[in-house]
Amino acid sequence: MTNDDLLAALPRKVLTVDQAERDLRAWVRLLRERGVTWAKIGKALGVSRQAAWGRFATDVRRR
């Protein structure tokens, strides 16, 4: 790919990343609503429970 091709593809990549982040946050909210622990969510994401909580707790509390 040329530099121009790569630059032209960037907006599509951003949309893909944004959608994936929205989906991830929605799934974590659903898991928490179902009573799944932060420890299990963190393990599934490959991070500590504290890291999972730090990233997603605000989204869960907003609902």
Protein backbone atom coordinates (compact mmCIF):
# COMPACT_ATOMS: atom_id res chain seq x y z
CA MET A 1 0.00 0.00 0.00
CA THR A 2 1.13 3.51 -0.69
CA ASN A 3 1.17 6.23 1.94
CA ASP A 4 -1.94 7.73 0.33
CA ASP A 5 -3.72 4.35 0.50
CA LEU A 6 -2.85 4.01 4.17
CA LEU A 7 -3.99 7.54 4.92
CA ALA A 8 -7.26 6.97 3.06
CA ALA A 9 -7.92 3.82 5.11
CA LEU A 10 -7.46 5.51 8.49
CA PRO A 11 -11.03 6.83 8.87
CA ARG A 12 -12.43 3.32 8.31
CA LYS A 13 -10.04 1.92 10.90
CA VAL A 14 -11.15 4.51 13.46
CA LEU A 15 -14.80 3.58 12.91
CA THR A 16 -13.95 -0.09 13.41
CA VAL A 17 -12.06 0.61 16.64
CA ASP A 18 -14.85 2.87 17.94
CA GLN A 19 -17.49 0.20 17.27
CA ALA A 20 -15.39 -2.50 18.92
CA GLU A 21 -14.95 -0.29 22.01
CA ARG A 22 -18.72 0.35 22.22
CA ASP A 23 -19.41 -3.37 21.90
CA LEU A 24 -16.83 -4.23 24.56
CA ARG A 25 -18.30 -1.73 27.01
CA ALA A 26 -21.83 -3.03 26.35
CA TRP A 27 -20.74 -6.63 26.96
CA VAL A 28 -19.00 -5.71 30.21
CA ARG A 29 -22.13 -3.85 31.36
CA LEU A 30 -24.24 -6.91 30.55
CA LEU A 31 -21.85 -9.23 32.39
CA ARG A 32 -21.92 -7.00 35.47
CA GLU A 33 -25.74 -6.84 35.34
CA ARG A 34 -25.66 -10.65 35.37
CA GLY A 35 -23.48 -10.60 38.47
CA VAL A 36 -20.19 -11.63 36.86
CA THR A 37 -17.27 -10.49 39.02
CA TRP A 38 -14.63 -7.99 38.03
CA ALA A 39 -12.07 -10.75 38.60
CA LYS A 40 -13.68 -12.98 35.95
CA ILE A 41 -14.05 -10.09 33.51
CA GLY A 42 -10.44 -9.09 34.06
CA LYS A 43 -9.25 -12.65 33.54
CA ALA A 44 -11.19 -12.91 30.27
CA LEU A 45 -9.58 -9.65 29.11
CA GLY A 46 -6.11 -10.67 30.27
CA VAL A 47 -5.90 -7.93 32.89
CA SER A 48 -6.32 -7.67 36.65
CA ARG A 49 -9.74 -7.12 38.22
CA GLN A 50 -8.52 -3.68 39.25
CA ALA A 51 -7.60 -2.83 35.65
CA ALA A 52 -10.98 -4.05 34.39
CA TRP A 53 -12.79 -2.07 37.06
CA GLY A 54 -10.72 1.03 36.32
CA ARG A 55 -11.54 0.88 32.64
CA PHE A 56 -15.24 0.00 32.79
CA ALA A 57 -16.71 0.86 36.20
CA THR A 58 -17.87 4.32 35.14
CA ASP A 59 -19.82 2.81 32.22
CA VAL A 60 -21.46 0.25 34.49
CA ARG A 61 -22.51 2.86 37.07
CA ARG A 62 -24.02 5.15 34.39
CA ARG A 63 -26.81 2.68 33.61
